[in-house]
Amino acid sequence: MDILRLLDQLDELAVENPRSILGVLFWGLDKDEIRMHIQKIRASLPQEVKVAANTARDSDRIIESAKEDAHLTLENAKKEAERIVQEARAEGDRIRSEARIEQARLVAESEILKLSKAQSDEVRAGAERDALQMRRGAEKYAFDVLNQLEGVVGKVMTTIERGKSEMTPESRDQAAPSPTRARDKVRAQG
């Protein structure tokens, strides 16, 4: 829950737009006084709360950026894989075309008909193997890109979890100044 955002909403409901449902609760109260109390609350919030709110906003931005990067990387990988598959198909078609031409020439020579058929089948099988290998290569490339992306997103999630764990109540309690020191600090500033 973002306390700073809640204070902004309270300011909007009580001061800027008092005709809302909560406006009835504040009827007869001085808007400037309400705004002053909200500003005091905001000013007295621990710095950790403000840092946590900024960190939450930053982590949302980082996650969105990572999602966009992941989407772009996936799209690029798909395009690259499709390009490789199309090249493999074109190469396969070219090889098959050459094989058919060669086969037709060899068929014309009746004494080497068997040899012609065997060579044609071998070329066709080789073309299909090559096309299959190219496709597997494209799929492996896409898989490797996705694995790298998973690593990057994992690092971002680890950073977020570390930041969240540093902001747990136990870590804030250890870092919080004693009430006497906090009161002395407020008096010195006032």
N, C-alpha and C. Protein backbone atom coordinates (compact mmCIF):
# COMPACT_ATOMS: atom_id res chain seq x y z
N MET A 1 0.86 -1.17 0.00
CA MET A 1 0.00 0.00 0.00
C MET A 1 0.90 1.23 0.00
N ASP A 2 0.66 2.14 -0.88
CA ASP A 2 1.46 3.35 -1.01
C ASP A 2 0.81 4.47 -0.20
N ILE A 3 1.38 4.76 0.96
CA ILE A 3 0.80 5.75 1.86
C ILE A 3 0.81 7.14 1.25
N LEU A 4 1.83 7.43 0.44
CA LEU A 4 1.88 8.74 -0.22
C LEU A 4 0.73 8.90 -1.21
N ARG A 5 0.42 7.85 -1.93
CA ARG A 5 -0.70 7.89 -2.87
C ARG A 5 -2.02 8.05 -2.11
N LEU A 6 -2.13 7.37 -0.96
CA LEU A 6 -3.35 7.50 -0.14
C LEU A 6 -3.52 8.93 0.37
N LEU A 7 -2.42 9.56 0.76
CA LEU A 7 -2.50 10.95 1.20
C LEU A 7 -2.94 11.86 0.05
N ASP A 8 -2.45 11.60 -1.14
CA ASP A 8 -2.90 12.38 -2.30
C ASP A 8 -4.39 12.19 -2.54
N GLN A 9 -4.86 10.95 -2.40
CA GLN A 9 -6.29 10.68 -2.59
C GLN A 9 -7.13 11.37 -1.51
N LEU A 10 -6.63 11.34 -0.26
CA LEU A 10 -7.33 12.02 0.83
C LEU A 10 -7.42 13.52 0.55
N ASP A 11 -6.33 14.10 0.09
CA ASP A 11 -6.31 15.52 -0.26
C ASP A 11 -7.34 15.79 -1.35
N GLU A 12 -7.40 14.95 -2.35
CA GLU A 12 -8.35 15.11 -3.45
C GLU A 12 -9.78 15.03 -2.94
N LEU A 13 -10.07 14.03 -2.08
CA LEU A 13 -11.44 13.84 -1.59
C LEU A 13 -11.88 14.94 -0.62
N ALA A 14 -10.99 15.36 0.28
CA ALA A 14 -11.37 16.29 1.34
C ALA A 14 -11.27 17.75 0.91
N VAL A 15 -10.28 18.08 0.08
CA VAL A 15 -10.03 19.49 -0.21
C VAL A 15 -10.43 19.85 -1.64
N GLU A 16 -9.96 19.09 -2.60
CA GLU A 16 -10.17 19.43 -4.01
C GLU A 16 -11.58 19.11 -4.49
N ASN A 17 -12.15 18.01 -4.02
CA ASN A 17 -13.46 17.57 -4.50
C ASN A 17 -14.33 17.18 -3.31
N PRO A 18 -14.77 18.11 -2.48
CA PRO A 18 -15.47 17.76 -1.24
C PRO A 18 -16.89 17.27 -1.47
N ARG A 19 -17.38 17.24 -2.68
CA ARG A 19 -18.74 16.78 -2.92
C ARG A 19 -18.83 15.26 -2.98
N SER A 20 -17.71 14.60 -2.86
CA SER A 20 -17.74 13.14 -2.88
C SER A 20 -18.33 12.61 -1.58
N ILE A 21 -18.42 11.32 -1.48
CA ILE A 21 -19.01 10.69 -0.29
C ILE A 21 -18.26 11.10 0.97
N LEU A 22 -16.94 11.11 0.93
CA LEU A 22 -16.16 11.50 2.10
C LEU A 22 -16.31 12.98 2.41
N GLY A 23 -16.72 13.79 1.44
CA GLY A 23 -16.89 15.21 1.67
C GLY A 23 -17.90 15.49 2.76
N VAL A 24 -18.91 14.65 2.89
CA VAL A 24 -19.92 14.81 3.94
C VAL A 24 -19.25 14.70 5.31
N LEU A 25 -18.28 13.80 5.45
CA LEU A 25 -17.57 13.62 6.72
C LEU A 25 -16.76 14.86 7.08
N PHE A 26 -16.29 15.58 6.10
CA PHE A 26 -15.45 16.75 6.34
C PHE A 26 -16.24 18.06 6.29
N TRP A 27 -17.55 17.98 6.21
CA TRP A 27 -18.38 19.17 6.11
C TRP A 27 -18.19 20.03 7.35
N GLY A 28 -17.98 21.29 7.15
CA GLY A 28 -17.79 22.22 8.25
C GLY A 28 -16.34 22.35 8.68
N LEU A 29 -15.43 21.55 8.12
CA LEU A 29 -14.01 21.64 8.47
C LEU A 29 -13.33 22.60 7.50
N ASP A 30 -12.28 23.21 7.98
CA ASP A 30 -11.52 24.16 7.19
C ASP A 30 -10.62 23.39 6.21
N LYS A 31 -10.75 23.65 4.90
CA LYS A 31 -9.97 22.95 3.89
C LYS A 31 -8.47 23.20 4.08
N ASP A 32 -8.11 24.41 4.41
CA ASP A 32 -6.69 24.73 4.61
C ASP A 32 -6.13 23.97 5.80
N GLU A 33 -6.95 23.82 6.83
CA GLU A 33 -6.49 23.08 8.02
C GLU A 33 -6.31 21.60 7.67
N ILE A 34 -7.23 21.05 6.89
CA ILE A 34 -7.12 19.64 6.48
C ILE A 34 -5.86 19.46 5.63
N ARG A 35 -5.67 20.38 4.68
CA ARG A 35 -4.48 20.29 3.83
C ARG A 35 -3.20 20.40 4.66
N MET A 36 -3.19 21.28 5.67
CA MET A 36 -2.01 21.45 6.52
C MET A 36 -1.73 20.15 7.29
N HIS A 37 -2.78 19.48 7.79
CA HIS A 37 -2.58 18.22 8.52
C HIS A 37 -2.05 17.13 7.58
N ILE A 38 -2.57 17.11 6.38
CA ILE A 38 -2.07 16.12 5.41
C ILE A 38 -0.60 16.38 5.11
N GLN A 39 -0.22 17.64 4.95
CA GLN A 39 1.18 17.97 4.69
C GLN A 39 2.06 17.61 5.89
N LYS A 40 1.54 17.81 7.09
CA LYS A 40 2.31 17.42 8.29
C LYS A 40 2.53 15.91 8.33
N ILE A 41 1.47 15.18 8.02
CA ILE A 41 1.59 13.71 8.00
C ILE A 41 2.64 13.31 6.97
N ARG A 42 2.55 13.90 5.78
CA ARG A 42 3.50 13.58 4.71
C ARG A 42 4.93 13.92 5.14
N ALA A 43 5.11 15.05 5.80
CA ALA A 43 6.45 15.48 6.21
C ALA A 43 6.99 14.62 7.34
N SER A 44 6.10 14.07 8.19
CA SER A 44 6.57 13.29 9.34
C SER A 44 6.77 11.82 9.00
N LEU A 45 6.45 11.42 7.77
CA LEU A 45 6.67 10.03 7.39
C LEU A 45 8.18 9.74 7.39
N PRO A 46 8.56 8.54 7.82
CA PRO A 46 9.98 8.20 7.78
C PRO A 46 10.50 8.22 6.34
N GLN A 47 11.75 8.56 6.21
CA GLN A 47 12.39 8.61 4.88
C GLN A 47 12.29 7.25 4.19
N GLU A 48 12.30 6.18 4.99
CA GLU A 48 12.24 4.84 4.42
C GLU A 48 10.94 4.63 3.63
N VAL A 49 9.84 5.22 4.13
CA VAL A 49 8.56 5.08 3.43
C VAL A 49 8.65 5.77 2.07
N LYS A 50 9.25 6.96 2.04
CA LYS A 50 9.38 7.68 0.77
C LYS A 50 10.30 6.92 -0.18
N VAL A 51 11.40 6.39 0.37
CA VAL A 51 12.33 5.61 -0.46
C VAL A 51 11.64 4.35 -0.97
N ALA A 52 10.85 3.71 -0.10
CA ALA A 52 10.14 2.49 -0.51
C ALA A 52 9.15 2.79 -1.62
N ALA A 53 8.44 3.93 -1.52
CA ALA A 53 7.49 4.29 -2.57
C ALA A 53 8.22 4.52 -3.90
N ASN A 54 9.37 5.21 -3.84
CA ASN A 54 10.15 5.44 -5.06
C ASN A 54 10.68 4.13 -5.62
N THR A 55 11.13 3.24 -4.71
CA THR A 55 11.66 1.95 -5.14
C THR A 55 10.56 1.12 -5.80
N ALA A 56 9.35 1.16 -5.23
CA ALA A 56 8.24 0.43 -5.82
C ALA A 56 7.94 0.96 -7.22
N ARG A 57 7.93 2.29 -7.36
CA ARG A 57 7.69 2.87 -8.70
C ARG A 57 8.81 2.47 -9.66
N ASP A 58 10.07 2.51 -9.16
CA ASP A 58 11.20 2.13 -10.01
C ASP A 58 11.12 0.67 -10.41
N SER A 59 10.75 -0.20 -9.45
CA SER A 59 10.68 -1.63 -9.78
C SER A 59 9.58 -1.89 -10.80
N ASP A 60 8.45 -1.16 -10.70
CA ASP A 60 7.40 -1.31 -11.70
C ASP A 60 7.92 -0.90 -13.07
N ARG A 61 8.69 0.20 -13.12
CA ARG A 61 9.26 0.66 -14.38
C ARG A 61 10.25 -0.36 -14.93
N ILE A 62 11.08 -0.93 -14.06
CA ILE A 62 12.07 -1.93 -14.49
C ILE A 62 11.37 -3.17 -15.03
N ILE A 63 10.31 -3.60 -14.34
CA ILE A 63 9.59 -4.79 -14.80
C ILE A 63 8.95 -4.53 -16.15
N GLU A 64 8.35 -3.36 -16.32
CA GLU A 64 7.74 -3.02 -17.61
C GLU A 64 8.79 -2.99 -18.71
N SER A 65 9.94 -2.41 -18.39
CA SER A 65 11.03 -2.35 -19.37
C SER A 65 11.51 -3.76 -19.72
N ALA A 66 11.63 -4.61 -18.70
CA ALA A 66 12.06 -6.00 -18.95
C ALA A 66 11.03 -6.74 -19.80
N LYS A 67 9.74 -6.49 -19.53
CA LYS A 67 8.70 -7.14 -20.34
C LYS A 67 8.79 -6.68 -21.79
N GLU A 68 9.00 -5.36 -21.97
CA GLU A 68 9.13 -4.85 -23.34
C GLU A 68 10.35 -5.45 -24.03
N ASP A 69 11.48 -5.52 -23.29
CA ASP A 69 12.69 -6.11 -23.87
C ASP A 69 12.46 -7.58 -24.21
N ALA A 70 11.78 -8.29 -23.32
CA ALA A 70 11.49 -9.70 -23.56
C ALA A 70 10.62 -9.86 -24.80
N HIS A 71 9.62 -9.01 -24.90
CA HIS A 71 8.72 -9.08 -26.06
C HIS A 71 9.49 -8.80 -27.36
N LEU A 72 10.32 -7.76 -27.34
CA LEU A 72 11.09 -7.42 -28.54
C LEU A 72 12.07 -8.54 -28.89
N THR A 73 12.72 -9.09 -27.88
CA THR A 73 13.68 -10.17 -28.12
C THR A 73 12.98 -11.40 -28.69
N LEU A 74 11.82 -11.71 -28.13
CA LEU A 74 11.06 -12.86 -28.63
C LEU A 74 10.61 -12.62 -30.06
N GLU A 75 10.12 -11.42 -30.33
CA GLU A 75 9.70 -11.10 -31.70
C GLU A 75 10.87 -11.20 -32.67
N ASN A 76 12.03 -10.66 -32.27
CA ASN A 76 13.21 -10.74 -33.13
C ASN A 76 13.64 -12.18 -33.34
N ALA A 77 13.59 -12.97 -32.28
CA ALA A 77 13.96 -14.38 -32.40
C ALA A 77 13.01 -15.11 -33.34
N LYS A 78 11.71 -14.81 -33.23
CA LYS A 78 10.73 -15.45 -34.12
C LYS A 78 10.99 -15.05 -35.57
N LYS A 79 11.26 -13.74 -35.78
CA LYS A 79 11.52 -13.27 -37.14
C LYS A 79 12.78 -13.94 -37.70
N GLU A 80 13.82 -14.01 -36.86
CA GLU A 80 15.07 -14.64 -37.31
C GLU A 80 14.86 -16.12 -37.61
N ALA A 81 14.10 -16.80 -36.75
CA ALA A 81 13.82 -18.21 -36.97
C ALA A 81 13.03 -18.40 -38.27
N GLU A 82 12.03 -17.54 -38.48
CA GLU A 82 11.23 -17.63 -39.70
C GLU A 82 12.08 -17.36 -40.94
N ARG A 83 12.99 -16.38 -40.84
CA ARG A 83 13.87 -16.08 -41.96
C ARG A 83 14.75 -17.29 -42.29
N ILE A 84 15.29 -17.91 -41.24
CA ILE A 84 16.16 -19.07 -41.46
C ILE A 84 15.38 -20.22 -42.07
N VAL A 85 14.16 -20.44 -41.56
CA VAL A 85 13.32 -21.52 -42.10
C VAL A 85 12.98 -21.23 -43.57
N GLN A 86 12.66 -19.97 -43.90
CA GLN A 86 12.36 -19.61 -45.28
C GLN A 86 13.57 -19.82 -46.19
N GLU A 87 14.74 -19.44 -45.68
CA GLU A 87 15.96 -19.66 -46.46
C GLU A 87 16.19 -21.16 -46.68
N ALA A 88 15.95 -21.94 -45.63
CA ALA A 88 16.12 -23.39 -45.74
C ALA A 88 15.14 -23.97 -46.76
N ARG A 89 13.89 -23.47 -46.72
CA ARG A 89 12.90 -23.95 -47.69
C ARG A 89 13.30 -23.56 -49.11
N ALA A 90 13.75 -22.31 -49.27
CA ALA A 90 14.17 -21.86 -50.61
C ALA A 90 15.35 -22.70 -51.10
N GLU A 91 16.28 -22.94 -50.19
CA GLU A 91 17.44 -23.78 -50.57
C GLU A 91 16.98 -25.19 -50.89
N GLY A 92 16.06 -25.69 -50.10
CA GLY A 92 15.52 -27.03 -50.37
C GLY A 92 14.81 -27.09 -51.71
N ASP A 93 14.01 -26.05 -52.00
CA ASP A 93 13.31 -25.99 -53.29
C ASP A 93 14.30 -25.92 -54.44
N ARG A 94 15.35 -25.12 -54.27
CA ARG A 94 16.36 -24.99 -55.31
C ARG A 94 17.04 -26.35 -55.54
N ILE A 95 17.39 -27.00 -54.46
CA ILE A 95 18.07 -28.30 -54.58
C ILE A 95 17.14 -29.33 -55.22
N ARG A 96 15.84 -29.31 -54.81
CA ARG A 96 14.89 -30.24 -55.42
C ARG A 96 14.73 -29.96 -56.92
N SER A 97 14.68 -28.67 -57.25
CA SER A 97 14.55 -28.29 -58.66
C SER A 97 15.76 -28.81 -59.45
N GLU A 98 16.93 -28.58 -58.89
CA GLU A 98 18.14 -29.09 -59.54
C GLU A 98 18.11 -30.60 -59.63
N ALA A 99 17.60 -31.23 -58.57
CA ALA A 99 17.53 -32.70 -58.58
C ALA A 99 16.56 -33.19 -59.65
N ARG A 100 15.43 -32.51 -59.83
CA ARG A 100 14.46 -32.91 -60.86
C ARG A 100 15.06 -32.76 -62.26
N ILE A 101 15.76 -31.64 -62.46
CA ILE A 101 16.41 -31.41 -63.76
C ILE A 101 17.42 -32.52 -64.03
N GLU A 102 18.19 -32.78 -62.99
CA GLU A 102 19.20 -33.84 -63.12
C GLU A 102 18.54 -35.19 -63.36
N GLN A 103 17.46 -35.42 -62.63
CA GLN A 103 16.75 -36.69 -62.80
C GLN A 103 16.19 -36.81 -64.22
N ALA A 104 15.61 -35.75 -64.73
CA ALA A 104 15.05 -35.79 -66.09
C ALA A 104 16.14 -36.07 -67.12
N ARG A 105 17.29 -35.46 -66.92
CA ARG A 105 18.40 -35.70 -67.84
C ARG A 105 18.85 -37.16 -67.78
N LEU A 106 18.91 -37.67 -66.56
CA LEU A 106 19.37 -39.05 -66.43
C LEU A 106 18.34 -40.07 -66.91
N VAL A 107 17.06 -39.70 -66.75
CA VAL A 107 16.00 -40.60 -67.24
C VAL A 107 16.12 -40.74 -68.75
N ALA A 108 16.48 -39.64 -69.39
CA ALA A 108 16.64 -39.69 -70.84
C ALA A 108 17.70 -40.71 -71.24
N GLU A 109 18.62 -40.91 -70.41
CA GLU A 109 19.64 -41.92 -70.70
C GLU A 109 19.21 -43.21 -70.00
N SER A 110 18.55 -44.07 -70.72
CA SER A 110 17.92 -45.25 -70.16
C SER A 110 18.89 -46.21 -69.47
N GLU A 111 20.11 -46.28 -69.91
CA GLU A 111 21.03 -47.24 -69.30
C GLU A 111 21.43 -46.83 -67.88
N ILE A 112 21.28 -45.52 -67.52
CA ILE A 112 21.66 -45.11 -66.16
C ILE A 112 20.42 -44.67 -65.34
N LEU A 113 19.27 -45.21 -65.67
CA LEU A 113 18.03 -44.86 -64.98
C LEU A 113 18.11 -45.13 -63.48
N LYS A 114 18.60 -46.28 -63.09
CA LYS A 114 18.69 -46.62 -61.67
C LYS A 114 19.61 -45.66 -60.93
N LEU A 115 20.72 -45.36 -61.55
CA LEU A 115 21.66 -44.43 -60.92
C LEU A 115 21.03 -43.05 -60.76
N SER A 116 20.29 -42.62 -61.74
CA SER A 116 19.63 -41.32 -61.69
C SER A 116 18.64 -41.26 -60.53
N LYS A 117 17.85 -42.28 -60.38
CA LYS A 117 16.86 -42.30 -59.30
C LYS A 117 17.54 -42.30 -57.94
N ALA A 118 18.59 -43.06 -57.79
CA ALA A 118 19.31 -43.11 -56.51
C ALA A 118 19.92 -41.75 -56.16
N GLN A 119 20.53 -41.11 -57.15
CA GLN A 119 21.12 -39.79 -56.89
C GLN A 119 20.05 -38.75 -56.55
N SER A 120 18.95 -38.82 -57.26
CA SER A 120 17.86 -37.88 -56.99
C SER A 120 17.34 -38.05 -55.57
N ASP A 121 17.15 -39.28 -55.17
CA ASP A 121 16.68 -39.54 -53.80
C ASP A 121 17.70 -39.07 -52.76
N GLU A 122 18.97 -39.27 -53.07
CA GLU A 122 20.02 -38.85 -52.14
C GLU A 122 20.05 -37.32 -52.00
N VAL A 123 19.93 -36.63 -53.13
CA VAL A 123 19.92 -35.16 -53.10
C VAL A 123 18.70 -34.67 -52.34
N ARG A 124 17.55 -35.26 -52.58
CA ARG A 124 16.31 -34.88 -51.91
C ARG A 124 16.45 -35.12 -50.39
N ALA A 125 16.97 -36.28 -50.03
CA ALA A 125 17.14 -36.58 -48.61
C ALA A 125 18.13 -35.60 -47.97
N GLY A 126 19.19 -35.30 -48.70
CA GLY A 126 20.17 -34.33 -48.19
C GLY A 126 19.55 -32.95 -48.00
N ALA A 127 18.73 -32.55 -48.95
CA ALA A 127 18.06 -31.25 -48.85
C ALA A 127 17.12 -31.23 -47.66
N GLU A 128 16.39 -32.31 -47.46
CA GLU A 128 15.48 -32.38 -46.31
C GLU A 128 16.26 -32.39 -44.99
N ARG A 129 17.40 -33.10 -44.98
CA ARG A 129 18.26 -33.09 -43.77
C ARG A 129 18.78 -31.69 -43.51
N ASP A 130 19.24 -31.04 -44.58
CA ASP A 130 19.76 -29.67 -44.43
C ASP A 130 18.66 -28.73 -43.92
N ALA A 131 17.47 -28.85 -44.51
CA ALA A 131 16.36 -28.00 -44.08
C ALA A 131 16.01 -28.27 -42.63
N LEU A 132 16.00 -29.54 -42.24
CA LEU A 132 15.70 -29.91 -40.85
C LEU A 132 16.77 -29.37 -39.91
N GLN A 133 18.04 -29.49 -40.31
CA GLN A 133 19.12 -28.97 -39.47
C GLN A 133 19.02 -27.45 -39.34
N MET A 134 18.71 -26.77 -40.44
CA MET A 134 18.57 -25.31 -40.37
C MET A 134 17.42 -24.92 -39.44
N ARG A 135 16.34 -25.64 -39.54
CA ARG A 135 15.19 -25.35 -38.67
C ARG A 135 15.56 -25.60 -37.21
N ARG A 136 16.22 -26.71 -36.94
CA ARG A 136 16.65 -27.00 -35.56
C ARG A 136 17.60 -25.91 -35.06
N GLY A 137 18.46 -25.45 -35.94
CA GLY A 137 19.37 -24.36 -35.55
C GLY A 137 18.60 -23.10 -35.20
N ALA A 138 17.60 -22.79 -35.99
CA ALA A 138 16.77 -21.61 -35.71
C ALA A 138 16.04 -21.77 -34.38
N GLU A 139 15.51 -22.94 -34.14
CA GLU A 139 14.80 -23.18 -32.87
C GLU A 139 15.78 -23.12 -31.70
N LYS A 140 16.98 -23.64 -31.87
CA LYS A 140 17.98 -23.57 -30.79
C LYS A 140 18.35 -22.12 -30.52
N TYR A 141 18.49 -21.34 -31.58
CA TYR A 141 18.81 -19.91 -31.41
C TYR A 141 17.72 -19.22 -30.60
N ALA A 142 16.46 -19.46 -30.97
CA ALA A 142 15.34 -18.85 -30.25
C ALA A 142 15.34 -19.31 -28.79
N PHE A 143 15.61 -20.59 -28.56
CA PHE A 143 15.64 -21.14 -27.19
C PHE A 143 16.76 -20.49 -26.39
N ASP A 144 17.93 -20.33 -26.99
CA ASP A 144 19.06 -19.70 -26.30
C ASP A 144 18.74 -18.25 -25.94
N VAL A 145 18.12 -17.53 -26.87
CA VAL A 145 17.74 -16.14 -26.60
C VAL A 145 16.77 -16.07 -25.43
N LEU A 146 15.79 -16.97 -25.42
CA LEU A 146 14.82 -16.99 -24.32
C LEU A 146 15.50 -17.35 -23.00
N ASN A 147 16.47 -18.25 -23.02
CA ASN A 147 17.21 -18.59 -21.79
C ASN A 147 17.98 -17.38 -21.26
N GLN A 148 18.61 -16.65 -22.18
CA GLN A 148 19.33 -15.44 -21.75
C GLN A 148 18.37 -14.43 -21.15
N LEU A 149 17.24 -14.27 -21.79
CA LEU A 149 16.23 -13.34 -21.28
C LEU A 149 15.73 -13.79 -19.91
N GLU A 150 15.56 -15.08 -19.73
CA GLU A 150 15.12 -15.60 -18.43
C GLU A 150 16.15 -15.26 -17.35
N GLY A 151 17.43 -15.33 -17.68
CA GLY A 151 18.48 -14.97 -16.74
C GLY A 151 18.40 -13.51 -16.34
N VAL A 152 18.17 -12.63 -17.33
CA VAL A 152 18.08 -11.19 -17.05
C VAL A 152 16.88 -10.92 -16.16
N VAL A 153 15.73 -11.50 -16.50
CA VAL A 153 14.53 -11.29 -15.69
C VAL A 153 14.75 -11.87 -14.28
N GLY A 154 15.46 -12.99 -14.17
CA GLY A 154 15.76 -13.57 -12.86
C GLY A 154 16.59 -12.62 -12.01
N LYS A 155 17.57 -11.97 -12.63
CA LYS A 155 18.39 -11.01 -11.89
C LYS A 155 17.56 -9.83 -11.41
N VAL A 156 16.65 -9.36 -12.29
CA VAL A 156 15.78 -8.24 -11.89
C VAL A 156 14.91 -8.67 -10.71
N MET A 157 14.35 -9.87 -10.77
CA MET A 157 13.49 -10.35 -9.69
C MET A 157 14.31 -10.50 -8.40
N THR A 158 15.56 -10.97 -8.49
CA THR A 158 16.41 -11.10 -7.31
C THR A 158 16.66 -9.72 -6.70
N THR A 159 16.92 -8.73 -7.53
CA THR A 159 17.14 -7.37 -7.04
C THR A 159 15.89 -6.84 -6.36
N ILE A 160 14.74 -7.09 -6.94
CA ILE A 160 13.49 -6.64 -6.35
C ILE A 160 13.27 -7.32 -5.00
N GLU A 161 13.49 -8.64 -4.94
CA GLU A 161 13.30 -9.37 -3.68
C GLU A 161 14.28 -8.88 -2.62
N ARG A 162 15.52 -8.59 -3.01
CA ARG A 162 16.50 -8.08 -2.06
C ARG A 162 16.05 -6.72 -1.52
N GLY A 163 15.56 -5.86 -2.43
CA GLY A 163 15.07 -4.54 -2.01
C GLY A 163 13.88 -4.68 -1.08
N LYS A 164 12.97 -5.59 -1.39
CA LYS A 164 11.81 -5.79 -0.52
C LYS A 164 12.25 -6.33 0.84
N SER A 165 13.22 -7.24 0.86
CA SER A 165 13.65 -7.81 2.14
C SER A 165 14.36 -6.76 2.99
N GLU A 166 14.99 -5.79 2.35
CA GLU A 166 15.64 -4.73 3.11
C GLU A 166 14.61 -3.77 3.70
N MET A 167 13.41 -3.82 3.19
CA MET A 167 12.37 -2.92 3.68
C MET A 167 11.37 -3.65 4.59
N THR A 168 11.69 -4.84 5.05
CA THR A 168 10.79 -5.55 5.97
C THR A 168 10.77 -4.83 7.30
N PRO A 169 9.70 -5.01 8.10
CA PRO A 169 9.61 -4.32 9.39
C PRO A 169 10.81 -4.59 10.30
N GLU A 170 11.37 -5.80 10.27
CA GLU A 170 12.50 -6.10 11.15
C GLU A 170 13.71 -5.24 10.79
N SER A 171 13.97 -5.08 9.48
CA SER A 171 15.14 -4.29 9.10
C SER A 171 14.92 -2.81 9.37
N ARG A 172 13.69 -2.33 9.25
CA ARG A 172 13.41 -0.93 9.57
C ARG A 172 13.52 -0.69 11.07
N ASP A 173 13.06 -1.67 11.89
CA ASP A 173 13.14 -1.51 13.35
C ASP A 173 14.59 -1.42 13.80
N GLN A 174 15.46 -2.19 13.19
CA GLN A 174 16.88 -2.15 13.56
C GLN A 174 17.51 -0.82 13.17
N ALA A 175 17.05 -0.24 12.07
CA ALA A 175 17.66 1.00 11.57
C ALA A 175 16.97 2.23 12.13
N ALA A 176 15.80 2.08 12.80
CA ALA A 176 15.05 3.24 13.28
C ALA A 176 15.72 3.85 14.50
N PRO A 177 15.79 5.18 14.58
CA PRO A 177 16.39 5.83 15.74
C PRO A 177 15.47 5.71 16.95
N SER A 178 16.04 5.84 18.12
CA SER A 178 15.23 5.76 19.33
C SER A 178 14.29 6.95 19.37
N PRO A 179 13.14 6.82 20.09
CA PRO A 179 12.17 7.94 20.13
C PRO A 179 12.80 9.20 20.70
N THR A 180 13.70 9.08 21.68
CA THR A 180 14.34 10.26 22.28
C THR A 180 15.18 10.98 21.24
N ARG A 181 15.98 10.20 20.49
CA ARG A 181 16.83 10.82 19.46
C ARG A 181 15.97 11.45 18.37
N ALA A 182 14.88 10.81 18.01
CA ALA A 182 14.00 11.35 16.98
C ALA A 182 13.37 12.65 17.46
N ARG A 183 12.94 12.71 18.74
CA ARG A 183 12.34 13.91 19.29
C ARG A 183 13.36 15.04 19.34
N ASP A 184 14.60 14.71 19.76
CA ASP A 184 15.66 15.72 19.81
C ASP A 184 15.96 16.25 18.41
N LYS A 185 15.93 15.37 17.44
CA LYS A 185 16.22 15.77 16.06
C LYS A 185 15.12 16.71 15.55
N VAL A 186 13.85 16.41 15.87
CA VAL A 186 12.74 17.24 15.45
C VAL A 186 12.83 18.62 16.12
N ARG A 187 13.18 18.63 17.41
CA ARG A 187 13.31 19.91 18.12
C ARG A 187 14.46 20.74 17.53
N ALA A 188 15.54 20.09 17.18
CA ALA A 188 16.69 20.81 16.64
C ALA A 188 16.34 21.41 15.27
N GLN A 189 15.51 20.72 14.50
CA GLN A 189 15.11 21.22 13.18
C GLN A 189 14.08 22.33 13.31
N GLY A 190 13.24 22.27 14.36
CA GLY A 190 12.14 23.24 14.53
C GLY A 190 12.65 24.50 15.12
